[in-house]
Amino acid sequence: VNSNNRSKQITNTSGINGVRRRVKGNYIYWRADWYEKDGKLNRGKCYNINKYGGEDGAMVRAILDRRAAEKRLGIINGLEERFPYR
């Protein structure tokens, strides 16, 4: 729960918690990460910028993955729905 409640990091390039741009040599991709209810880290699918229409296309796909996980887990803007005050 604490991991999902973290504020946006200063190094965040996407503007969305858990979505980041990664570079490994010539392989550049966007990926969404989130923690499941059991505390295990789930690393979403990697979206290569060459395969998904450049930086914007790959980033949008990663954001959609993160948003789907947030909806499934009941996390809104870093806070779980069970907290009445946002």
N, C-alpha and C. Protein backbone atom coordinates (compact mmCIF):
# COMPACT_ATOMS: atom_id res chain seq x y z
N VAL A 1 0.83 -1.19 0.00
CA VAL A 1 0.00 0.00 0.00
C VAL A 1 0.87 1.25 0.00
N ASN A 2 1.95 1.23 0.77
CA ASN A 2 2.82 2.40 0.82
C ASN A 2 3.41 2.73 -0.55
N SER A 3 3.75 1.71 -1.31
CA SER A 3 4.33 1.94 -2.64
C SER A 3 3.35 2.63 -3.56
N ASN A 4 2.09 2.26 -3.46
CA ASN A 4 1.07 2.86 -4.33
C ASN A 4 0.72 4.28 -3.89
N ASN A 5 1.05 4.64 -2.66
CA ASN A 5 0.72 5.97 -2.14
C ASN A 5 1.85 6.98 -2.31
N ARG A 6 2.93 6.58 -2.92
CA ARG A 6 4.06 7.48 -3.10
C ARG A 6 3.70 8.64 -4.02
N SER A 7 4.31 9.77 -3.74
CA SER A 7 4.10 10.91 -4.63
C SER A 7 4.98 10.75 -5.87
N LYS A 8 4.70 11.55 -6.87
CA LYS A 8 5.46 11.48 -8.11
C LYS A 8 6.91 11.85 -7.85
N GLN A 9 7.82 11.06 -8.37
CA GLN A 9 9.25 11.30 -8.19
C GLN A 9 9.73 12.46 -9.07
N ILE A 10 10.77 13.13 -8.63
CA ILE A 10 11.30 14.28 -9.36
C ILE A 10 11.87 13.86 -10.72
N THR A 11 12.31 12.60 -10.84
CA THR A 11 12.88 12.11 -12.09
C THR A 11 11.83 11.56 -13.05
N ASN A 12 10.56 11.65 -12.68
CA ASN A 12 9.47 11.13 -13.51
C ASN A 12 9.41 11.90 -14.82
N THR A 13 9.45 11.17 -15.95
CA THR A 13 9.42 11.81 -17.26
C THR A 13 8.07 11.73 -17.94
N SER A 14 7.18 10.87 -17.43
CA SER A 14 5.89 10.69 -18.09
C SER A 14 4.78 11.53 -17.46
N GLY A 15 4.96 11.93 -16.20
CA GLY A 15 3.91 12.64 -15.49
C GLY A 15 2.93 11.71 -14.80
N ILE A 16 3.12 10.40 -14.96
CA ILE A 16 2.24 9.39 -14.38
C ILE A 16 3.07 8.51 -13.45
N ASN A 17 2.60 8.31 -12.20
CA ASN A 17 3.30 7.41 -11.30
C ASN A 17 3.39 6.02 -11.90
N GLY A 18 4.56 5.41 -11.83
CA GLY A 18 4.73 4.03 -12.28
C GLY A 18 4.98 3.86 -13.75
N VAL A 19 5.01 4.92 -14.53
CA VAL A 19 5.28 4.83 -15.97
C VAL A 19 6.60 5.52 -16.24
N ARG A 20 7.51 4.77 -16.86
CA ARG A 20 8.82 5.38 -17.11
C ARG A 20 9.44 4.94 -18.42
N ARG A 21 10.35 5.75 -18.86
CA ARG A 21 11.09 5.50 -20.10
C ARG A 21 12.39 4.82 -19.72
N ARG A 22 12.72 3.75 -20.41
CA ARG A 22 13.94 3.01 -20.12
C ARG A 22 14.80 2.92 -21.38
N VAL A 23 16.10 2.92 -21.18
CA VAL A 23 17.04 2.79 -22.30
C VAL A 23 18.04 1.71 -21.94
N LYS A 24 18.14 0.70 -22.79
CA LYS A 24 19.14 -0.36 -22.64
C LYS A 24 19.86 -0.48 -23.98
N GLY A 25 20.99 0.19 -24.08
CA GLY A 25 21.72 0.21 -25.34
C GLY A 25 20.92 0.94 -26.39
N ASN A 26 20.63 0.26 -27.49
CA ASN A 26 19.83 0.84 -28.57
C ASN A 26 18.34 0.57 -28.38
N TYR A 27 17.97 -0.17 -27.34
CA TYR A 27 16.58 -0.53 -27.08
C TYR A 27 15.96 0.52 -26.16
N ILE A 28 15.02 1.31 -26.69
CA ILE A 28 14.35 2.35 -25.91
C ILE A 28 12.88 1.98 -25.81
N TYR A 29 12.37 1.97 -24.58
CA TYR A 29 10.98 1.56 -24.39
C TYR A 29 10.36 2.27 -23.19
N TRP A 30 9.02 2.19 -23.12
CA TRP A 30 8.23 2.69 -21.99
C TRP A 30 7.61 1.49 -21.30
N ARG A 31 7.51 1.58 -19.96
CA ARG A 31 6.95 0.47 -19.20
C ARG A 31 6.21 1.01 -17.98
N ALA A 32 5.14 0.32 -17.60
CA ALA A 32 4.38 0.66 -16.39
C ALA A 32 4.63 -0.40 -15.33
N ASP A 33 4.84 0.02 -14.09
CA ASP A 33 5.03 -0.87 -12.96
C ASP A 33 3.97 -0.57 -11.92
N TRP A 34 3.56 -1.58 -11.15
CA TRP A 34 2.64 -1.39 -10.03
C TRP A 34 2.79 -2.56 -9.08
N TYR A 35 2.32 -2.36 -7.87
CA TYR A 35 2.36 -3.41 -6.86
C TYR A 35 0.97 -4.01 -6.72
N GLU A 36 0.93 -5.33 -6.73
CA GLU A 36 -0.31 -6.05 -6.55
C GLU A 36 -0.69 -6.03 -5.07
N LYS A 37 -1.90 -6.47 -4.74
CA LYS A 37 -2.37 -6.47 -3.36
C LYS A 37 -1.51 -7.36 -2.46
N ASP A 38 -0.87 -8.39 -3.03
CA ASP A 38 -0.04 -9.28 -2.23
C ASP A 38 1.37 -8.71 -2.01
N GLY A 39 1.62 -7.51 -2.52
CA GLY A 39 2.90 -6.85 -2.32
C GLY A 39 3.95 -7.14 -3.38
N LYS A 40 3.62 -7.96 -4.36
CA LYS A 40 4.58 -8.30 -5.41
C LYS A 40 4.56 -7.25 -6.51
N LEU A 41 5.77 -6.90 -6.98
CA LEU A 41 5.91 -5.93 -8.06
C LEU A 41 5.51 -6.57 -9.37
N ASN A 42 4.67 -5.89 -10.11
CA ASN A 42 4.26 -6.34 -11.44
C ASN A 42 4.85 -5.38 -12.45
N ARG A 43 5.69 -5.88 -13.28
CA ARG A 43 6.27 -5.06 -14.34
C ARG A 43 5.44 -5.30 -15.59
N GLY A 44 4.81 -4.26 -16.06
CA GLY A 44 3.96 -4.37 -17.24
C GLY A 44 4.76 -4.65 -18.49
N LYS A 45 4.08 -4.77 -19.58
CA LYS A 45 4.71 -5.03 -20.86
C LYS A 45 5.59 -3.86 -21.28
N CYS A 46 6.68 -4.17 -21.96
CA CYS A 46 7.58 -3.14 -22.49
C CYS A 46 7.08 -2.74 -23.87
N TYR A 47 6.99 -1.43 -24.10
CA TYR A 47 6.54 -0.90 -25.38
C TYR A 47 7.68 -0.19 -26.08
N ASN A 48 8.26 -0.85 -27.06
CA ASN A 48 9.38 -0.33 -27.82
C ASN A 48 8.91 0.85 -28.67
N ILE A 49 9.70 1.94 -28.66
CA ILE A 49 9.29 3.13 -29.40
C ILE A 49 9.28 2.89 -30.91
N ASN A 50 10.09 1.96 -31.41
CA ASN A 50 10.10 1.68 -32.84
C ASN A 50 8.88 0.88 -33.27
N LYS A 51 8.35 0.06 -32.39
CA LYS A 51 7.23 -0.81 -32.73
C LYS A 51 5.88 -0.14 -32.53
N TYR A 52 5.78 0.80 -31.58
CA TYR A 52 4.49 1.38 -31.22
C TYR A 52 4.34 2.84 -31.62
N GLY A 53 4.93 3.24 -32.71
CA GLY A 53 4.69 4.58 -33.26
C GLY A 53 5.45 5.70 -32.59
N GLY A 54 6.66 5.44 -32.18
CA GLY A 54 7.49 6.48 -31.59
C GLY A 54 7.28 6.64 -30.10
N GLU A 55 7.87 7.71 -29.56
CA GLU A 55 7.81 7.96 -28.12
C GLU A 55 6.37 8.08 -27.62
N ASP A 56 5.56 8.85 -28.33
CA ASP A 56 4.19 9.10 -27.87
C ASP A 56 3.35 7.83 -27.87
N GLY A 57 3.43 7.04 -28.92
CA GLY A 57 2.63 5.82 -29.01
C GLY A 57 3.00 4.82 -27.93
N ALA A 58 4.29 4.65 -27.70
CA ALA A 58 4.74 3.71 -26.67
C ALA A 58 4.37 4.20 -25.28
N MET A 59 4.50 5.50 -25.04
CA MET A 59 4.17 6.05 -23.73
C MET A 59 2.66 5.90 -23.45
N VAL A 60 1.83 6.17 -24.44
CA VAL A 60 0.38 6.05 -24.25
C VAL A 60 0.01 4.61 -23.92
N ARG A 61 0.61 3.63 -24.58
CA ARG A 61 0.31 2.23 -24.28
C ARG A 61 0.68 1.89 -22.84
N ALA A 62 1.84 2.36 -22.38
CA ALA A 62 2.26 2.10 -21.00
C ALA A 62 1.32 2.77 -20.00
N ILE A 63 0.89 3.99 -20.30
CA ILE A 63 -0.05 4.70 -19.43
C ILE A 63 -1.38 3.95 -19.35
N LEU A 64 -1.85 3.42 -20.47
CA LEU A 64 -3.10 2.66 -20.47
C LEU A 64 -2.97 1.40 -19.62
N ASP A 65 -1.79 0.74 -19.68
CA ASP A 65 -1.56 -0.42 -18.82
C ASP A 65 -1.64 -0.03 -17.35
N ARG A 66 -1.00 1.07 -17.00
CA ARG A 66 -1.00 1.52 -15.61
C ARG A 66 -2.41 1.89 -15.15
N ARG A 67 -3.15 2.61 -15.99
CA ARG A 67 -4.51 3.00 -15.64
C ARG A 67 -5.41 1.78 -15.44
N ALA A 68 -5.25 0.75 -16.28
CA ALA A 68 -6.03 -0.47 -16.13
C ALA A 68 -5.71 -1.16 -14.80
N ALA A 69 -4.43 -1.19 -14.43
CA ALA A 69 -4.04 -1.79 -13.15
C ALA A 69 -4.59 -0.97 -11.99
N GLU A 70 -4.55 0.35 -12.10
CA GLU A 70 -5.09 1.21 -11.04
C GLU A 70 -6.58 0.95 -10.84
N LYS A 71 -7.30 0.81 -11.94
CA LYS A 71 -8.74 0.57 -11.85
C LYS A 71 -9.01 -0.80 -11.22
N ARG A 72 -8.25 -1.81 -11.65
CA ARG A 72 -8.44 -3.15 -11.12
C ARG A 72 -8.11 -3.23 -9.64
N LEU A 73 -7.07 -2.51 -9.20
CA LEU A 73 -6.62 -2.55 -7.81
C LEU A 73 -7.32 -1.52 -6.93
N GLY A 74 -8.08 -0.61 -7.53
CA GLY A 74 -8.78 0.40 -6.75
C GLY A 74 -7.88 1.54 -6.31
N ILE A 75 -6.89 1.88 -7.13
CA ILE A 75 -5.96 2.96 -6.81
C ILE A 75 -6.30 4.16 -7.68
N ILE A 76 -6.50 5.31 -7.05
CA ILE A 76 -6.79 6.53 -7.80
C ILE A 76 -5.79 7.59 -7.40
N ASN A 77 -5.00 8.07 -8.37
CA ASN A 77 -3.99 9.10 -8.13
C ASN A 77 -3.08 8.74 -6.96
N GLY A 78 -2.70 7.48 -6.87
CA GLY A 78 -1.78 7.06 -5.82
C GLY A 78 -2.45 6.72 -4.51
N LEU A 79 -3.77 6.89 -4.40
CA LEU A 79 -4.46 6.56 -3.15
C LEU A 79 -5.52 5.49 -3.43
N GLU A 80 -5.64 4.57 -2.53
CA GLU A 80 -6.66 3.54 -2.70
C GLU A 80 -8.04 4.14 -2.46
N GLU A 81 -9.04 3.57 -3.09
CA GLU A 81 -10.41 4.09 -2.97
C GLU A 81 -10.93 4.01 -1.53
N ARG A 82 -10.38 3.14 -0.72
CA ARG A 82 -10.89 2.99 0.65
C ARG A 82 -10.62 4.21 1.51
N PHE A 83 -9.72 5.10 1.06
CA PHE A 83 -9.47 6.33 1.80
C PHE A 83 -10.48 7.36 1.35
N PRO A 84 -11.31 7.87 2.25
CA PRO A 84 -12.38 8.78 1.83
C PRO A 84 -11.90 10.15 1.41
N TYR A 85 -10.72 10.57 1.83
CA TYR A 85 -10.26 11.92 1.53
C TYR A 85 -9.12 11.85 0.52
N ARG A 86 -9.24 12.61 -0.55
CA ARG A 86 -8.19 12.64 -1.56
C ARG A 86 -7.73 14.05 -1.78
